[in-house]
Protein backbone atom coordinates (compact mmCIF):
# COMPACT_ATOMS: atom_id res chain seq x y z
CA UNK A 1 115.04 64.60 27.46
CA UNK A 2 113.21 61.67 29.04
CA UNK A 3 115.46 59.27 27.17
CA UNK A 4 118.63 60.94 28.44
CA UNK A 5 117.39 61.10 32.03
CA UNK A 6 116.34 57.45 32.18
CA UNK A 7 119.44 56.27 30.30
CA UNK A 8 121.63 58.18 32.75
CA UNK A 9 119.96 56.57 35.76
CA UNK A 10 119.94 53.11 34.15
CA UNK A 11 123.61 53.30 33.19
CA UNK A 12 124.60 54.36 36.69
CA UNK A 13 122.42 51.78 38.44
CA UNK A 14 123.80 48.97 36.23
CA UNK A 15 127.35 50.37 36.17
CA UNK A 16 127.41 50.15 32.36
CA UNK A 17 130.07 52.79 31.85
CA UNK A 18 133.23 52.19 33.83
CA UNK A 19 134.01 55.85 34.16
CA UNK A 20 134.02 58.18 37.18
CA UNK A 21 130.62 59.73 37.77
CA UNK A 22 132.14 63.17 37.19
CA UNK A 23 133.09 62.23 33.62
CA UNK A 24 129.65 60.73 32.96
CA UNK A 25 127.91 63.90 34.06
CA UNK A 26 130.33 66.05 32.09
CA UNK A 27 129.54 63.96 29.02
CA UNK A 28 125.79 64.49 29.47
CA UNK A 29 126.33 68.23 30.01
CA UNK A 30 128.49 68.39 26.88
CA UNK A 31 125.71 66.69 24.90
CA UNK A 32 123.26 69.31 26.19
CA UNK A 33 125.58 72.12 25.12
CA UNK A 34 125.98 70.55 21.68
CA UNK A 35 122.19 70.42 21.32
CA UNK A 36 121.93 74.11 22.20
CA UNK A 37 124.69 74.97 19.73
CA UNK A 38 123.21 72.92 16.87
CA UNK A 39 119.76 74.37 17.60
CA UNK A 40 121.20 77.89 17.40
CA UNK A 41 122.82 77.09 14.05
CA UNK A 42 119.47 75.79 12.71
CA UNK A 43 117.36 78.65 14.06
CA UNK A 44 116.76 80.17 10.61
CA UNK A 45 116.70 77.12 8.30
CA UNK A 46 114.64 74.80 10.55
CA UNK A 47 113.21 77.11 13.18
CA UNK A 48 110.88 74.73 15.04
CA UNK A 49 113.43 71.94 15.15
CA UNK A 50 116.23 74.31 16.14
CA UNK A 51 114.20 75.79 18.98
CA UNK A 52 113.25 72.34 20.24
CA UNK A 53 116.91 71.32 20.26
CA UNK A 54 117.88 74.42 22.21
CA UNK A 55 115.12 73.86 24.76
CA UNK A 56 115.88 70.17 25.12
CA UNK A 57 119.58 70.91 25.57
CA UNK A 58 118.80 73.48 28.25
CA UNK A 59 116.58 70.94 30.03
CA UNK A 60 119.43 68.42 30.01
CA UNK A 61 121.75 71.03 31.53
CA UNK A 62 119.21 71.66 34.31
CA UNK A 63 118.96 67.91 34.90
CA UNK A 64 122.73 67.44 35.02
CA UNK A 65 123.39 70.23 37.50
CA UNK A 66 120.50 69.18 39.74
CA UNK A 67 121.67 65.53 39.71
CA UNK A 68 125.25 66.56 40.49
CA UNK A 69 123.99 68.65 43.42
CA UNK A 70 121.18 66.52 44.77
CA UNK A 71 122.05 62.87 44.07
CA UNK A 72 125.86 62.72 44.10
CA UNK A 73 126.76 65.89 46.05
CA UNK A 74 129.54 66.66 43.55
CA UNK A 75 128.87 70.40 43.56
CA UNK A 76 128.67 72.76 46.54
CA UNK A 77 125.28 74.41 46.78
CA UNK A 78 126.62 77.89 45.97
CA UNK A 79 128.35 76.73 42.79
CA UNK A 80 125.35 74.66 41.72
CA UNK A 81 122.91 77.54 42.11
CA UNK A 82 125.24 79.91 40.28
CA UNK A 83 125.25 77.43 37.39
CA UNK A 84 121.46 77.12 37.55
CA UNK A 85 121.07 80.90 37.46
CA UNK A 86 123.39 81.07 34.44
CA UNK A 87 121.41 78.35 32.62
CA UNK A 88 118.07 79.98 33.48
CA UNK A 89 119.33 83.39 32.35
CA UNK A 90 120.66 81.83 29.15
CA UNK A 91 117.33 80.16 28.36
CA UNK A 92 115.47 83.40 29.02
CA UNK A 93 117.86 85.45 26.89
CA UNK A 94 117.75 83.00 23.96
CA UNK A 95 113.95 82.85 24.11
CA UNK A 96 113.53 86.65 24.20
CA UNK A 97 116.14 87.28 21.48
CA UNK A 98 114.49 84.77 19.12
CA UNK A 99 110.95 85.66 20.26
CA UNK A 100 110.52 81.94 20.83
CA UNK A 101 108.01 80.72 23.42
CA UNK A 102 108.70 77.14 22.24
CA UNK A 103 112.30 77.39 23.42
CA UNK A 104 111.30 78.84 26.77
CA UNK A 105 108.62 76.19 27.21
CA UNK A 106 110.96 73.25 26.46
CA UNK A 107 113.75 74.60 28.66
CA UNK A 108 111.52 75.48 31.61
CA UNK A 109 109.56 72.20 31.43
CA UNK A 110 112.85 70.27 31.41
CA UNK A 111 114.02 72.25 34.40
CA UNK A 112 110.84 71.51 36.34
CA UNK A 113 110.92 67.82 35.43
CA UNK A 114 114.53 67.31 36.51
CA UNK A 115 113.82 66.90 40.27
CA UNK A 116 110.92 64.54 39.56
CA UNK A 117 113.02 62.32 37.31
CA UNK A 118 116.06 62.43 39.59
CA UNK A 119 114.16 62.10 42.86
CA UNK A 120 115.15 59.45 45.39
CA UNK A 121 112.41 60.37 47.88
CA UNK A 122 114.92 61.85 50.30
CA UNK A 123 116.83 65.07 50.73
CA UNK A 124 116.34 68.70 51.57
CA UNK A 125 113.15 70.50 50.59
CA UNK A 126 115.14 73.75 50.83
CA UNK A 127 117.30 72.61 47.90
CA UNK A 128 114.23 71.57 45.87
CA UNK A 129 112.32 74.82 46.43
CA UNK A 130 115.42 76.95 45.94
CA UNK A 131 115.94 75.21 42.60
CA UNK A 132 112.31 75.92 41.61
CA UNK A 133 112.78 79.49 42.75
CA UNK A 134 115.59 79.92 40.20
CA UNK A 135 113.42 78.58 37.37
CA UNK A 136 110.52 80.81 38.40
CA UNK A 137 112.89 83.75 38.43
CA UNK A 138 113.64 82.96 34.77
CA UNK A 139 109.89 82.91 34.00
CA UNK A 140 109.50 86.25 35.77
CA UNK A 141 112.39 87.69 33.76
CA UNK A 142 110.83 86.51 30.49
CA UNK A 143 107.45 87.94 31.55
CA UNK A 144 109.11 91.35 31.83
CA UNK A 145 109.65 91.30 28.05
CA UNK A 146 107.05 88.89 26.64
CA UNK A 147 103.42 87.99 27.42
CA UNK A 148 103.60 84.21 26.98
CA UNK A 149 100.60 82.82 28.79
CA UNK A 150 101.36 79.13 28.21
CA UNK A 151 104.84 79.49 29.73
CA UNK A 152 103.35 81.20 32.78
CA UNK A 153 100.75 78.44 33.10
CA UNK A 154 103.36 75.66 32.91
CA UNK A 155 105.44 77.29 35.64
CA UNK A 156 102.37 77.84 37.81
CA UNK A 157 101.12 74.25 37.49
CA UNK A 158 104.51 72.65 38.10
CA UNK A 159 105.38 74.89 41.06
CA UNK A 160 102.16 74.46 42.99
CA UNK A 161 101.53 70.84 42.02
CA UNK A 162 104.95 69.79 43.34
CA UNK A 163 104.47 72.02 46.40
CA UNK A 164 101.12 70.38 47.19
CA UNK A 165 102.54 66.90 46.61
CA UNK A 166 105.55 67.55 48.84
CA UNK A 167 103.39 69.11 51.53
CA UNK A 168 100.98 66.16 51.54
CA UNK A 169 103.78 63.61 51.88
CA UNK A 170 106.50 65.29 53.90
CA UNK A 171 105.39 68.47 55.69
CA UNK A 172 105.65 68.62 59.47
CA UNK A 173 104.96 71.64 61.72
CA UNK A 174 108.65 71.93 62.66
CA UNK A 175 109.43 72.66 58.97
CA UNK A 176 107.28 75.80 58.95
CA UNK A 177 110.18 78.27 59.23
CA UNK A 178 112.00 76.76 56.24
CA UNK A 179 108.84 76.33 54.12
CA UNK A 180 106.81 79.53 54.62
CA UNK A 181 109.35 81.85 52.91
CA UNK A 182 109.15 79.79 49.71
CA UNK A 183 105.34 79.86 49.70
CA UNK A 184 105.38 83.64 50.11
CA UNK A 185 107.95 84.07 47.33
CA UNK A 186 106.09 81.78 44.92
CA UNK A 187 102.90 83.73 45.61
CA UNK A 188 104.61 87.07 44.97
CA UNK A 189 106.29 85.77 41.82
CA UNK A 190 103.04 84.67 40.21
CA UNK A 191 101.19 87.80 41.25
CA UNK A 192 103.96 89.82 39.58
CA UNK A 193 103.81 87.61 36.47
CA UNK A 194 100.03 88.12 36.26
CA UNK A 195 100.50 91.89 36.46
CA UNK A 196 103.26 91.83 33.84
CA UNK A 197 101.02 89.80 31.51
CA UNK A 198 98.36 92.50 31.77
CA UNK A 199 100.95 95.23 31.14
CA UNK A 200 102.53 93.41 28.17
CA UNK A 201 99.22 92.34 26.59
CA UNK A 202 98.76 92.55 22.85
CA UNK A 203 97.22 95.80 21.50
CA UNK A 204 94.28 93.87 20.04
CA UNK A 205 93.46 92.53 23.51
CA UNK A 206 93.49 95.65 25.71
CA UNK A 207 91.58 94.02 28.58
CA UNK A 208 93.37 90.65 28.63
CA UNK A 209 94.17 89.14 32.01
CA UNK A 210 95.50 85.70 32.92
CA UNK A 211 92.62 84.32 34.96
CA UNK A 212 94.54 81.21 36.03
CA UNK A 213 97.18 83.30 37.77
CA UNK A 214 94.93 86.13 38.97
CA UNK A 215 92.47 83.81 40.71
CA UNK A 216 94.39 80.55 41.01
CA UNK A 217 97.44 81.93 42.80
CA UNK A 218 95.64 83.31 45.89
CA UNK A 219 93.29 80.32 46.04
CA UNK A 220 96.06 77.69 46.03
CA UNK A 221 98.55 79.73 48.05
CA UNK A 222 95.99 80.46 50.77
CA UNK A 223 94.97 76.81 50.83
CA UNK A 224 98.60 75.82 51.35
CA UNK A 225 98.96 78.52 54.00
CA UNK A 226 96.01 77.10 55.90
CA UNK A 227 97.68 73.67 55.84
CA UNK A 228 100.98 75.12 57.11
CA UNK A 229 99.17 76.94 59.91
CA UNK A 230 96.96 74.03 60.94
CA UNK A 231 96.42 74.25 64.69
CA UNK A 232 97.47 77.91 64.95
CA UNK A 233 94.89 80.04 66.76
CA UNK A 234 95.27 83.34 64.88
CA UNK A 235 97.75 82.51 62.13
CA UNK A 236 95.20 82.20 59.33
CA UNK A 237 93.36 85.37 60.38
CA UNK A 238 96.62 87.35 60.37
CA UNK A 239 97.46 85.89 56.95
CA UNK A 240 94.06 86.99 55.61
CA UNK A 241 94.61 90.56 56.85
CA UNK A 242 98.09 90.68 55.29
CA UNK A 243 96.75 89.33 51.99
CA UNK A 244 93.92 91.88 51.94
CA UNK A 245 96.40 94.70 52.60
CA UNK A 246 98.62 93.39 49.78
CA UNK A 247 95.77 93.41 47.26
CA UNK A 248 94.66 96.87 48.41
CA UNK A 249 98.20 98.17 47.86
CA UNK A 250 98.32 96.54 44.41
CA UNK A 251 95.01 98.17 43.52
CA UNK A 252 96.28 101.62 44.46
CA UNK A 253 99.57 101.11 42.62
CA UNK A 254 98.00 99.74 39.43
CA UNK A 255 95.41 102.51 39.24
């Protein structure tokens, strides 16, 4: 995955392949699809290798669509996000059908890495966070069927690490209206994933909870909220009341 991403950027920067960029990206996408297909064929004979191929191929598809949308503006946003939803749904379905956390982990990690590898330091944060929202939706969908703690942890770390990094470098108060909805949605997603993990826990671990998500999500999300509301007189107090009411409602519902 790293090799393909860096080779793609190197070839384009040095103009090594005298082909239209559309054909180059289609070639990379075709290679990703071939990897998924070969991995599916090998799922029984060489399970670990086959699953790794499927996950790597899915990661390359994420990378290709994101690059076509973000770097070269070859796809309209609606079409790009439809493709991303289809890829995310495909990764989730393949992982659940094969009961394969390895596949989900490779595909999701590739999806999260794509913006970091393709970043130019410019562009819309709305596109970036919308893209991450799609990948987190796939993690939430998988959590509905499987309790895969490592997958949840990878999504959590990537989502909030990139959010903190972007906020530190680029956030300005005038971006609050286009940033706050994503923070709220990411918080709700990982609270739901933590609850699903507890509901889908293994019979031999009846009291299992994912402490990273249960305690880490409110801690990091509230820290980010305080940064977004810096200088607001009552914003953080109102946020605390809303958060307390949310947890009280969850308590009642879960009981």
